[in-house]
Amino acid sequence: MTLTVVPPQPIVPSCVYELEHISFGYRTTARALHDLSFAIRAGEKIAIVGANGAGKTTLLRLLAGQIVPSSGNYRAFGAVVEPNPAAQPHGSWFARRVALVTSRFDTTLSEGQKKRVSLSAMLAFRPPVVLLDEPMNALDGPGRRWLLGVLKELRASDKTVVIGTYDLALAQLVTDRMMVLSGRHALVADGPTSEVAGDTDLLVKAGLLHEHVHTHGGTTHRHIHPLFPQEGGQHHEEHDQDH
């Protein structure tokens, strides 16, 4: 008989993260996050969307405790996270509470296999917070369908789930709240996914949608398309139909 040992669930406060005027900059680059203020409550399902380079990965790393802010006030799980990483050994208690799922490591596995291994290993520890960085990147059809099923299961759970992505279609399928990072690495929108995803002008400015304007027979037509590939390749099908 095999005995499976399930690690105990850590106690999670109702407000998991509290960020006030948080900024972060890498030593070799300009500021990667600028003056972010928001809170994340336990059980929320959130999409952090933005164009490439907007700061999605950096923000997820901060929420995972891998980096600390350069300035601002940051509380995670009810505790203050100091700007100086040597000020407190916070890495271990982040590790017990947060899973950051990414495929950014070198193996001979395919992208789909890496994500399955990474996600399965992380979820085996039953973390109350799950962070996913561009989860659909480089997946084929079967891999996308498998991961979409996992994300829908996570949405129905009591876990706090935060997904960094430029895939607006995915965000609308599996999250209830959407936060938009601009090219200046600032938070420019935060609200219900359905409302934020419907603000086309905002998403065009954020570099997530492309506006195509042309004139036929004296009539001006405006077409809005995703700037990046979306779930199921719908953008390309719609574009072909329009033209």
C-alpha atoms as a PDB file:
ATOM      1  CA  MET A   1       0.000   0.000   0.000  1.00  0.00           C
ATOM      2  CA  THR A   2       1.378   3.386  -1.001  1.00  0.00           C
ATOM      3  CA  LEU A   3       0.935   6.259   1.402  1.00  0.00           C
ATOM      4  CA  THR A   4       0.584   9.663  -0.235  1.00  0.00           C
ATOM      5  CA  VAL A   5       1.690  12.510   1.989  1.00  0.00           C
ATOM      6  CA  VAL A   6      -0.200  15.714   1.220  1.00  0.00           C
ATOM      7  CA  PRO A   7       1.514  18.871   2.465  1.00  0.00           C
ATOM      8  CA  PRO A   8      -0.642  20.980   4.784  1.00  0.00           C
ATOM      9  CA  GLN A   9      -2.392  23.985   3.315  1.00  0.00           C
ATOM     10  CA  PRO A  10      -0.821  27.256   4.508  1.00  0.00           C
ATOM     11  CA  ILE A  11      -3.200  29.797   5.942  1.00  0.00           C
ATOM     12  CA  VAL A  12      -3.996  32.478   3.382  1.00  0.00           C
ATOM     13  CA  PRO A  13      -5.408  35.875   4.415  1.00  0.00           C
ATOM     14  CA  SER A  14      -8.360  37.331   2.535  1.00  0.00           C
ATOM     15  CA  CYS A  15      -6.047  39.857   0.870  1.00  0.00           C
ATOM     16  CA  VAL A  16      -3.146  37.933  -0.651  1.00  0.00           C
ATOM     17  CA  TYR A  17      -1.215  40.847  -2.161  1.00  0.00           C
ATOM     18  CA  GLU A  18      -1.197  44.587  -1.491  1.00  0.00           C
ATOM     19  CA  LEU A  19       0.980  46.808  -3.675  1.00  0.00           C
ATOM     20  CA  GLU A  20       1.268  50.561  -3.203  1.00  0.00           C
ATOM     21  CA  HIS A  21       3.326  52.641  -5.662  1.00  0.00           C
ATOM     22  CA  ILE A  22       5.558  49.696  -6.543  1.00  0.00           C
ATOM     23  CA  SER A  23       8.387  50.203  -9.015  1.00  0.00           C
ATOM     24  CA  PHE A  24      11.156  47.860 -10.098  1.00  0.00           C
ATOM     25  CA  GLY A  25      14.195  48.194 -12.316  1.00  0.00           C
ATOM     26  CA  TYR A  26      16.813  45.698 -13.402  1.00  0.00           C
ATOM     27  CA  ARG A  27      20.418  46.833 -13.089  1.00  0.00           C
ATOM     28  CA  THR A  28      21.094  46.576 -16.803  1.00  0.00           C
ATOM     29  CA  THR A  29      17.826  48.014 -18.117  1.00  0.00           C
ATOM     30  CA  ALA A  30      15.422  50.851 -17.567  1.00  0.00           C
ATOM     31  CA  ARG A  31      12.511  50.602 -15.129  1.00  0.00           C
ATOM     32  CA  ALA A  32      10.476  47.424 -15.731  1.00  0.00           C
ATOM     33  CA  LEU A  33       7.523  48.305 -13.474  1.00  0.00           C
ATOM     34  CA  HIS A  34       6.361  51.838 -12.734  1.00  0.00           C
ATOM     35  CA  ASP A  35       4.220  53.008  -9.807  1.00  0.00           C
ATOM     36  CA  LEU A  36       1.833  50.027  -9.573  1.00  0.00           C
ATOM     37  CA  SER A  37      -0.915  50.045  -6.944  1.00  0.00           C
ATOM     38  CA  PHE A  38      -3.459  47.247  -6.577  1.00  0.00           C
ATOM     39  CA  ALA A  39      -4.616  44.435  -4.280  1.00  0.00           C
ATOM     40  CA  ILE A  40      -5.398  40.798  -5.012  1.00  0.00           C
ATOM     41  CA  ARG A  41      -7.894  38.949  -2.836  1.00  0.00           C
ATOM     42  CA  ALA A  42      -7.878  35.216  -2.184  1.00  0.00           C
ATOM     43  CA  GLY A  43      -9.660  33.207  -4.856  1.00  0.00           C
ATOM     44  CA  GLU A  44      -9.526  35.836  -7.604  1.00  0.00           C
ATOM     45  CA  LYS A  45      -8.867  34.789 -11.213  1.00  0.00           C
ATOM     46  CA  ILE A  46      -6.851  37.551 -12.898  1.00  0.00           C
ATOM     47  CA  ALA A  47      -5.269  38.177 -16.291  1.00  0.00           C
ATOM     48  CA  ILE A  48      -2.323  40.557 -16.495  1.00  0.00           C
ATOM     49  CA  VAL A  49      -2.219  41.555 -20.150  1.00  0.00           C
ATOM     50  CA  GLY A  50       0.216  43.679 -22.090  1.00  0.00           C
ATOM     51  CA  ALA A  51       2.380  43.693 -25.181  1.00  0.00           C
ATOM     52  CA  ASN A  52       5.789  42.044 -25.161  1.00  0.00           C
ATOM     53  CA  GLY A  53       8.101  43.936 -22.828  1.00  0.00           C
ATOM     54  CA  ALA A  54       5.301  45.592 -20.841  1.00  0.00           C
ATOM     55  CA  GLY A  55       6.416  43.951 -17.580  1.00  0.00           C
ATOM     56  CA  LYS A  56       4.138  40.907 -17.231  1.00  0.00           C
ATOM     57  CA  THR A  57       6.921  38.435 -16.432  1.00  0.00           C
ATOM     58  CA  THR A  58       8.599  40.864 -14.048  1.00  0.00           C
ATOM     59  CA  LEU A  59       5.343  41.396 -12.159  1.00  0.00           C
ATOM     60  CA  LEU A  60       4.751  37.641 -11.902  1.00  0.00           C
ATOM     61  CA  ARG A  61       8.281  37.160 -10.562  1.00  0.00           C
ATOM     62  CA  LEU A  62       7.589  39.823  -7.956  1.00  0.00           C
ATOM     63  CA  LEU A  63       4.333  38.089  -6.923  1.00  0.00           C
ATOM     64  CA  ALA A  64       6.282  34.817  -6.694  1.00  0.00           C
ATOM     65  CA  GLY A  65       8.887  36.329  -4.375  1.00  0.00           C
ATOM     66  CA  GLN A  66      11.749  35.884  -6.847  1.00  0.00           C
ATOM     67  CA  ILE A  67      12.469  39.605  -6.868  1.00  0.00           C
ATOM     68  CA  VAL A  68      11.591  42.465  -4.535  1.00  0.00           C
ATOM     69  CA  PRO A  69      10.492  45.993  -5.478  1.00  0.00           C
ATOM     70  CA  SER A  70      12.958  48.826  -5.847  1.00  0.00           C
ATOM     71  CA  SER A  71      10.489  51.179  -4.152  1.00  0.00           C
ATOM     72  CA  GLY A  72       6.984  51.264  -2.758  1.00  0.00           C
ATOM     73  CA  ASN A  73       5.053  49.337  -0.109  1.00  0.00           C
ATOM     74  CA  TYR A  74       4.530  45.621  -0.690  1.00  0.00           C
ATOM     75  CA  ARG A  75       2.640  43.155   1.509  1.00  0.00           C
ATOM     76  CA  ALA A  76       2.223  39.495   0.636  1.00  0.00           C
ATOM     77  CA  PHE A  77       0.142  37.087   2.725  1.00  0.00           C
ATOM     78  CA  GLY A  78      -0.173  39.733   5.410  1.00  0.00           C
ATOM     79  CA  ALA A  79       3.582  40.276   5.794  1.00  0.00           C
ATOM     80  CA  VAL A  80       5.700  43.227   4.689  1.00  0.00           C
ATOM     81  CA  VAL A  81       8.171  42.436   1.910  1.00  0.00           C
ATOM     82  CA  GLU A  82      11.193  44.674   2.343  1.00  0.00           C
ATOM     83  CA  PRO A  83      12.828  46.322  -0.693  1.00  0.00           C
ATOM     84  CA  ASN A  84      16.173  44.933   0.473  1.00  0.00           C
ATOM     85  CA  PRO A  85      16.166  41.163  -0.236  1.00  0.00           C
ATOM     86  CA  ALA A  86      18.691  40.606   2.575  1.00  0.00           C
ATOM     87  CA  ALA A  87      16.332  42.158   5.123  1.00  0.00           C
ATOM     88  CA  GLN A  88      14.258  38.993   5.555  1.00  0.00           C
ATOM     89  CA  PRO A  89      14.395  35.373   4.393  1.00  0.00           C
ATOM     90  CA  HIS A  90      11.053  35.534   2.595  1.00  0.00           C
ATOM     91  CA  GLY A  91      11.828  33.041  -0.178  1.00  0.00           C
ATOM     92  CA  SER A  92      10.796  29.959   1.765  1.00  0.00           C
ATOM     93  CA  TRP A  93       7.348  31.171   2.747  1.00  0.00           C
ATOM     94  CA  PHE A  94       6.671  32.350  -0.803  1.00  0.00           C
ATOM     95  CA  ALA A  95       7.675  28.879  -2.036  1.00  0.00           C
ATOM     96  CA  ARG A  96       5.151  27.214   0.274  1.00  0.00           C
ATOM     97  CA  ARG A  97       2.313  29.399  -0.958  1.00  0.00           C
ATOM     98  CA  VAL A  98       3.007  30.292  -4.588  1.00  0.00           C
ATOM     99  CA  ALA A  99       3.617  28.262  -7.755  1.00  0.00           C
ATOM    100  CA  LEU A 100       5.045  30.142 -10.747  1.00  0.00           C
ATOM    101  CA  VAL A 101       4.508  27.962 -13.817  1.00  0.00           C
ATOM    102  CA  THR A 102       6.757  28.638 -16.792  1.00  0.00           C
ATOM    103  CA  SER A 103       8.522  26.602 -19.451  1.00  0.00           C
ATOM    104  CA  ARG A 104      11.593  28.798 -19.551  1.00  0.00           C
ATOM    105  CA  PHE A 105      14.137  26.089 -18.819  1.00  0.00           C
ATOM    106  CA  ASP A 106      16.332  24.000 -21.102  1.00  0.00           C
ATOM    107  CA  THR A 107      15.389  20.336 -21.598  1.00  0.00           C
ATOM    108  CA  THR A 108      14.870  17.985 -24.498  1.00  0.00           C
ATOM    109  CA  LEU A 109      11.117  18.060 -23.867  1.00  0.00           C
ATOM    110  CA  SER A 110       8.668  19.822 -26.141  1.00  0.00           C
ATOM    111  CA  GLU A 111       6.934  22.992 -24.938  1.00  0.00           C
ATOM    112  CA  GLY A 112       3.756  21.039 -24.198  1.00  0.00           C
ATOM    113  CA  GLN A 113       5.677  18.401 -22.242  1.00  0.00           C
ATOM    114  CA  LYS A 114       7.575  21.044 -20.281  1.00  0.00           C
ATOM    115  CA  LYS A 115       4.353  22.781 -19.299  1.00  0.00           C
ATOM    116  CA  ARG A 116       2.740  19.491 -18.241  1.00  0.00           C
ATOM    117  CA  VAL A 117       5.753  18.594 -16.110  1.00  0.00           C
ATOM    118  CA  SER A 118       6.050  22.077 -14.613  1.00  0.00           C
ATOM    119  CA  LEU A 119       2.345  22.493 -13.891  1.00  0.00           C
ATOM    120  CA  SER A 120       1.912  18.976 -12.502  1.00  0.00           C
ATOM    121  CA  ALA A 121       4.940  19.340 -10.223  1.00  0.00           C
ATOM    122  CA  MET A 122       3.804  22.718  -8.916  1.00  0.00           C
ATOM    123  CA  LEU A 123       0.193  21.706  -8.303  1.00  0.00           C
ATOM    124  CA  ALA A 124       1.272  18.554  -6.465  1.00  0.00           C
ATOM    125  CA  PHE A 125       2.173  20.795  -3.538  1.00  0.00           C
ATOM    126  CA  ARG A 126      -1.355  22.276  -3.553  1.00  0.00           C
ATOM    127  CA  PRO A 127      -0.262  25.947  -3.482  1.00  0.00           C
ATOM    128  CA  PRO A 128      -3.062  28.413  -2.768  1.00  0.00           C
ATOM    129  CA  VAL A 129      -1.662  30.820  -5.393  1.00  0.00           C
ATOM    130  CA  VAL A 130      -0.894  29.790  -8.988  1.00  0.00           C
ATOM    131  CA  LEU A 131       0.912  32.165 -11.372  1.00  0.00           C
ATOM    132  CA  LEU A 132       1.225  31.298 -15.069  1.00  0.00           C
ATOM    133  CA  ASP A 133       3.532  33.105 -17.477  1.00  0.00           C
ATOM    134  CA  GLU A 134       2.304  33.044 -21.113  1.00  0.00           C
ATOM    135  CA  PRO A 135       0.845  29.538 -20.652  1.00  0.00           C
ATOM    136  CA  MET A 136      -0.220  29.050 -24.296  1.00  0.00           C
ATOM    137  CA  ASN A 137       3.127  29.967 -25.843  1.00  0.00           C
ATOM    138  CA  ALA A 138       4.441  27.484 -28.446  1.00  0.00           C
ATOM    139  CA  LEU A 139       1.743  24.873 -27.769  1.00  0.00           C
ATOM    140  CA  ASP A 140       0.135  22.872 -30.561  1.00  0.00           C
ATOM    141  CA  GLY A 141      -3.608  22.196 -30.779  1.00  0.00           C
ATOM    142  CA  PRO A 142      -3.726  19.212 -28.374  1.00  0.00           C
ATOM    143  CA  GLY A 143      -1.462  21.009 -25.916  1.00  0.00           C
ATOM    144  CA  ARG A 144      -3.645  24.130 -25.964  1.00  0.00           C
ATOM    145  CA  ARG A 145      -6.803  22.081 -25.420  1.00  0.00           C
ATOM    146  CA  TRP A 146      -5.200  20.234 -22.510  1.00  0.00           C
ATOM    147  CA  LEU A 147      -3.996  23.438 -20.857  1.00  0.00           C
ATOM    148  CA  LEU A 148      -7.316  25.185 -21.419  1.00  0.00           C
ATOM    149  CA  GLY A 149      -9.005  22.332 -19.556  1.00  0.00           C
ATOM    150  CA  VAL A 150      -6.562  22.745 -16.660  1.00  0.00           C
ATOM    151  CA  LEU A 151      -7.161  26.498 -16.565  1.00  0.00           C
ATOM    152  CA  LYS A 152     -10.934  25.994 -16.504  1.00  0.00           C
ATOM    153  CA  GLU A 153     -10.511  23.596 -13.561  1.00  0.00           C
ATOM    154  CA  LEU A 154      -8.389  26.195 -11.776  1.00  0.00           C
ATOM    155  CA  ARG A 155     -11.063  28.814 -12.436  1.00  0.00           C
ATOM    156  CA  ALA A 156     -13.620  26.612 -10.664  1.00  0.00           C
ATOM    157  CA  SER A 157     -11.287  26.106  -7.683  1.00  0.00           C
ATOM    158  CA  ASP A 158     -10.724  28.306  -4.637  1.00  0.00           C
ATOM    159  CA  LYS A 159      -7.131  29.043  -5.652  1.00  0.00           C
ATOM    160  CA  THR A 160      -5.881  32.514  -6.503  1.00  0.00           C
ATOM    161  CA  VAL A 161      -4.851  32.383 -10.167  1.00  0.00           C
ATOM    162  CA  VAL A 162      -2.916  35.085 -12.018  1.00  0.00           C
ATOM    163  CA  ILE A 163      -2.092  34.645 -15.712  1.00  0.00           C
ATOM    164  CA  GLY A 164       0.361  36.850 -17.596  1.00  0.00           C
ATOM    165  CA  THR A 165      -0.594  36.832 -21.274  1.00  0.00           C
ATOM    166  CA  TYR A 166      -1.155  38.808 -24.454  1.00  0.00           C
ATOM    167  CA  ASP A 167      -3.910  36.336 -25.479  1.00  0.00           C
ATOM    168  CA  LEU A 168      -7.109  38.308 -24.932  1.00  0.00           C
ATOM    169  CA  ALA A 169      -9.321  35.391 -25.982  1.00  0.00           C
ATOM    170  CA  LEU A 170      -7.750  33.160 -23.336  1.00  0.00           C
ATOM    171  CA  ALA A 171      -8.137  35.845 -20.686  1.00  0.00           C
ATOM    172  CA  GLN A 172     -11.849  36.122 -21.415  1.00  0.00           C
ATOM    173  CA  LEU A 173     -12.299  32.359 -21.131  1.00  0.00           C
ATOM    174  CA  VAL A 174     -10.626  31.756 -17.773  1.00  0.00           C
ATOM    175  CA  THR A 175     -10.460  35.021 -15.763  1.00  0.00           C
ATOM    176  CA  ASP A 176     -12.867  37.464 -14.141  1.00  0.00           C
ATOM    177  CA  ARG A 177     -10.548  40.440 -13.706  1.00  0.00           C
ATOM    178  CA  MET A 178      -8.163  42.009 -16.182  1.00  0.00           C
ATOM    179  CA  MET A 179      -5.212  44.304 -15.526  1.00  0.00           C
ATOM    180  CA  VAL A 180      -3.517  46.071 -18.451  1.00  0.00           C
ATOM    181  CA  LEU A 181       0.148  47.075 -18.464  1.00  0.00           C
ATOM    182  CA  SER A 182       1.209  49.753 -20.932  1.00  0.00           C
ATOM    183  CA  GLY A 183       4.428  50.058 -22.893  1.00  0.00           C
ATOM    184  CA  ARG A 184       5.590  52.413 -20.146  1.00  0.00           C
ATOM    185  CA  HIS A 185       5.277  49.527 -17.634  1.00  0.00           C
ATOM    186  CA  ALA A 186       2.396  51.210 -15.805  1.00  0.00           C
ATOM    187  CA  LEU A 187      -1.032  49.881 -14.861  1.00  0.00           C
ATOM    188  CA  VAL A 188      -3.518  51.631 -17.151  1.00  0.00           C
ATOM    189  CA  ALA A 189      -6.672  49.567 -16.516  1.00  0.00           C
ATOM    190  CA  ASP A 190      -7.997  47.215 -13.845  1.00  0.00           C
ATOM    191  CA  GLY A 191     -11.546  45.883 -13.836  1.00  0.00           C
ATOM    192  CA  PRO A 192     -13.895  43.057 -14.814  1.00  0.00           C
ATOM    193  CA  THR A 193     -12.463  41.106 -17.740  1.00  0.00           C
ATOM    194  CA  SER A 194     -15.593  41.582 -19.850  1.00  0.00           C
ATOM    195  CA  GLU A 195     -15.450  45.369 -19.471  1.00  0.00           C
ATOM    196  CA  VAL A 196     -11.721  45.866 -19.980  1.00  0.00           C
ATOM    197  CA  ALA A 197     -11.622  43.461 -22.945  1.00  0.00           C
ATOM    198  CA  GLY A 198     -14.416  45.491 -24.549  1.00  0.00           C
ATOM    199  CA  ASP A 199     -12.461  48.760 -24.446  1.00  0.00           C
ATOM    200  CA  THR A 200     -10.899  48.562 -27.898  1.00  0.00           C
ATOM    201  CA  ASP A 201      -9.357  52.049 -27.790  1.00  0.00           C
ATOM    202  CA  LEU A 202      -7.529  51.186 -24.579  1.00  0.00           C
ATOM    203  CA  LEU A 203      -6.260  47.885 -25.966  1.00  0.00           C
ATOM    204  CA  VAL A 204      -5.091  49.517 -29.192  1.00  0.00           C
ATOM    205  CA  LYS A 205      -3.078  52.036 -27.168  1.00  0.00           C
ATOM    206  CA  ALA A 206      -1.653  49.209 -25.034  1.00  0.00           C
ATOM    207  CA  GLY A 207      -0.415  47.429 -28.167  1.00  0.00           C
ATOM    208  CA  LEU A 208      -2.735  44.442 -27.794  1.00  0.00           C
ATOM    209  CA  LEU A 209      -5.033  45.226 -30.710  1.00  0.00           C
ATOM    210  CA  HIS A 210      -4.264  46.524 -34.183  1.00  0.00           C
ATOM    211  CA  GLU A 211      -6.446  49.154 -35.828  1.00  0.00           C
ATOM    212  CA  HIS A 212      -6.707  48.931 -39.603  1.00  0.00           C
ATOM    213  CA  VAL A 213      -8.499  51.834 -41.310  1.00  0.00           C
ATOM    214  CA  HIS A 214      -9.165  51.940 -45.038  1.00  0.00           C
ATOM    215  CA  THR A 215     -11.586  53.582 -47.466  1.00  0.00           C
ATOM    216  CA  HIS A 216     -13.761  51.897 -50.090  1.00  0.00           C
ATOM    217  CA  GLY A 217     -16.043  53.918 -52.343  1.00  0.00           C
ATOM    218  CA  GLY A 218     -15.798  56.983 -50.148  1.00  0.00           C
ATOM    219  CA  THR A 219     -16.704  55.038 -46.992  1.00  0.00           C
ATOM    220  CA  THR A 220     -14.121  54.632 -44.242  1.00  0.00           C
ATOM    221  CA  HIS A 221     -13.928  51.207 -42.601  1.00  0.00           C
ATOM    222  CA  ARG A 222     -12.288  50.499 -39.261  1.00  0.00           C
ATOM    223  CA  HIS A 223     -11.160  46.966 -38.435  1.00  0.00           C
ATOM    224  CA  ILE A 224      -9.784  45.890 -35.076  1.00  0.00           C
ATOM    225  CA  HIS A 225      -7.630  42.743 -34.954  1.00  0.00           C
ATOM    226  CA  PRO A 226      -5.540  41.067 -32.244  1.00  0.00           C
ATOM    227  CA  LEU A 227      -1.915  42.054 -32.658  1.00  0.00           C
ATOM    228  CA  PHE A 228      -0.772  38.625 -31.485  1.00  0.00           C
ATOM    229  CA  PRO A 229      -1.987  35.102 -32.368  1.00  0.00           C
ATOM    230  CA  GLN A 230      -5.118  34.186 -30.417  1.00  0.00           C
ATOM    231  CA  GLU A 231      -6.725  30.941 -29.319  1.00  0.00           C
ATOM    232  CA  GLY A 232      -7.652  28.807 -32.334  1.00  0.00           C
ATOM    233  CA  GLY A 233      -6.230  31.253 -34.911  1.00  0.00           C
ATOM    234  CA  GLN A 234      -9.526  33.151 -35.050  1.00  0.00           C
ATOM    235  CA  HIS A 235      -7.843  36.418 -36.032  1.00  0.00           C
ATOM    236  CA  HIS A 236      -6.526  35.045 -39.309  1.00  0.00           C
ATOM    237  CA  GLU A 237      -9.891  33.506 -40.241  1.00  0.00           C
ATOM    238  CA  GLU A 238     -11.754  36.746 -39.535  1.00  0.00           C
ATOM    239  CA  HIS A 239      -9.164  38.787 -41.441  1.00  0.00           C
ATOM    240  CA  ASP A 240      -9.571  36.593 -44.511  1.00  0.00           C
ATOM    241  CA  GLN A 241     -13.345  36.987 -44.376  1.00  0.00           C
ATOM    242  CA  ASP A 242     -13.079  40.780 -44.091  1.00  0.00           C
ATOM    243  CA  HIS A 243     -10.898  40.976 -47.201  1.00  0.00           C
END
